[in-house]
Amino acid sequence: DAHIGDRSTSEIAMTTDGGEQATIRGHLTLVDLADAADPDDRMMGLSTITFADGATIVLADIRDLDPATGRIARRCVRAIVGGTGRFAGVTGDVTRTYEADGRATLTLAIHR
């Protein structure tokens, strides 16, 4: 059974359209359980994208998950809440799109 405060972590290698290598490290914490009024579990996410030069982008989001499948129940847009190196001071958002083959595409909208 799921409990408020349950956590999961992930680490995923990624490549930008320009061929730059990076790693996304993510942490999800269960903050709300499905009930009759709201059929989805709610997770709070905090992720860091680290690029080869050490620069980072920090992302935060609240996402709804279908408790039966564990999949994102609605579109998930992550806010850019910080960064270091060449990304220091940026804001913006990141949208995840799932491809037919199961891969995910992240689209970054960065504002300086």
Protein backbone atom coordinates (compact mmCIF):
# COMPACT_ATOMS: atom_id res chain seq x y z
CA ASP A 1 0.00 0.00 0.00
CA ALA A 2 1.12 3.52 -0.76
CA HIS A 3 1.71 6.01 2.05
CA ILE A 4 2.18 9.77 2.15
CA GLY A 5 5.93 10.39 2.10
CA ASP A 6 6.79 7.33 -0.04
CA ARG A 7 9.72 8.25 -2.30
CA SER A 8 11.33 7.06 -5.49
CA THR A 9 14.48 8.17 -7.27
CA SER A 10 15.74 7.86 -10.83
CA GLU A 11 18.82 8.60 -12.88
CA ILE A 12 18.54 8.82 -16.66
CA ALA A 13 21.15 9.64 -19.31
CA MET A 14 20.03 12.08 -21.98
CA THR A 15 21.37 13.68 -25.14
CA THR A 16 20.35 17.13 -26.39
CA ASP A 17 19.44 17.81 -30.01
CA GLY A 18 22.94 19.30 -30.34
CA GLY A 19 24.57 16.07 -29.11
CA GLU A 20 25.43 17.30 -25.61
CA GLN A 21 25.37 14.60 -22.92
CA ALA A 22 23.58 15.16 -19.60
CA THR A 23 22.10 13.21 -16.69
CA ILE A 24 18.71 13.76 -15.06
CA ARG A 25 18.49 12.78 -11.41
CA GLY A 26 14.96 12.87 -10.07
CA HIS A 27 13.23 12.44 -6.74
CA LEU A 28 9.48 11.93 -6.33
CA THR A 29 7.60 12.09 -3.02
CA LEU A 30 3.97 11.02 -2.60
CA VAL A 31 2.09 13.99 -1.11
CA ASP A 32 -1.58 13.04 -1.61
CA LEU A 33 -3.43 9.73 -2.08
CA ALA A 34 -6.33 9.06 -4.41
CA ASP A 35 -9.79 9.20 -2.87
CA ALA A 36 -13.42 9.48 -4.01
CA ALA A 37 -13.08 13.22 -4.68
CA ASP A 38 -9.78 12.93 -6.60
CA PRO A 39 -8.97 9.61 -8.31
CA ASP A 40 -5.23 10.34 -8.76
CA ASP A 41 -2.23 10.08 -6.46
CA ARG A 42 -0.23 13.31 -6.33
CA MET A 43 3.57 13.41 -6.37
CA MET A 44 5.98 16.27 -5.78
CA GLY A 45 9.01 16.08 -8.05
CA LEU A 46 12.44 17.64 -7.80
CA SER A 47 14.97 16.93 -10.55
CA THR A 48 18.40 18.16 -11.57
CA ILE A 49 19.78 18.02 -15.10
CA THR A 50 23.59 17.98 -14.95
CA PHE A 51 25.54 18.69 -18.15
CA ALA A 52 29.08 17.53 -18.97
CA ASP A 53 30.54 20.97 -18.11
CA GLY A 54 28.98 20.78 -14.61
CA ALA A 55 26.20 23.31 -15.33
CA THR A 56 22.81 22.34 -13.89
CA ILE A 57 19.13 23.08 -14.33
CA VAL A 58 16.86 22.40 -11.32
CA LEU A 59 13.22 21.44 -11.97
CA ALA A 60 10.19 21.19 -9.67
CA ASP A 61 6.68 19.93 -10.33
CA ILE A 62 3.52 18.47 -8.91
CA ARG A 63 2.25 15.56 -10.97
CA ASP A 64 -0.89 13.46 -10.83
CA LEU A 65 -0.44 9.70 -11.22
CA ASP A 66 -3.03 7.05 -11.97
CA PRO A 67 -2.64 4.80 -8.89
CA ALA A 68 -3.58 1.69 -10.93
CA THR A 69 -0.82 2.16 -13.53
CA GLY A 70 1.66 4.54 -11.88
CA ARG A 71 1.66 6.61 -15.07
CA ILE A 72 1.25 10.36 -15.29
CA ALA A 73 -2.49 10.92 -15.42
CA ARG A 74 -2.28 14.43 -16.83
CA ARG A 75 0.28 16.44 -18.74
CA CYS A 76 3.34 17.22 -16.63
CA VAL A 77 5.06 20.57 -17.02
CA ARG A 78 8.03 21.18 -14.73
CA ALA A 79 9.09 24.64 -13.60
CA ILE A 80 12.76 25.60 -13.91
CA VAL A 81 13.49 26.83 -10.38
CA GLY A 82 17.25 27.30 -10.54
CA GLY A 83 20.50 26.56 -12.22
CA THR A 84 24.26 26.84 -12.00
CA GLY A 85 27.05 27.72 -14.39
CA ARG A 86 25.71 28.86 -17.76
CA PHE A 87 22.17 28.30 -16.42
CA ALA A 88 22.53 30.49 -13.31
CA GLY A 89 19.49 32.77 -12.96
CA VAL A 90 17.36 31.15 -15.68
CA THR A 91 13.64 30.48 -15.38
CA GLY A 92 11.23 28.66 -17.65
CA ASP A 93 9.65 25.25 -17.97
CA VAL A 94 10.20 21.75 -19.27
CA THR A 95 7.46 19.70 -20.95
CA ARG A 96 7.72 15.90 -21.24
CA THR A 97 6.21 14.14 -24.27
CA TYR A 98 6.14 10.35 -24.58
CA GLU A 99 7.04 8.88 -27.98
CA ALA A 100 5.31 5.82 -29.46
CA ASP A 101 8.42 3.71 -28.77
CA GLY A 102 8.34 4.61 -25.05
CA ARG A 103 11.13 7.19 -25.13
CA ALA A 104 10.47 10.60 -23.61
CA THR A 105 11.27 13.92 -25.23
CA LEU A 106 11.90 16.92 -22.98
CA THR A 107 11.32 20.37 -24.42
CA LEU A 108 13.03 23.16 -22.48
CA ALA A 109 11.74 26.74 -22.66
CA ILE A 110 14.52 28.73 -20.97
CA HIS A 111 14.23 32.44 -20.18
CA ARG A 112 17.24 34.51 -19.18
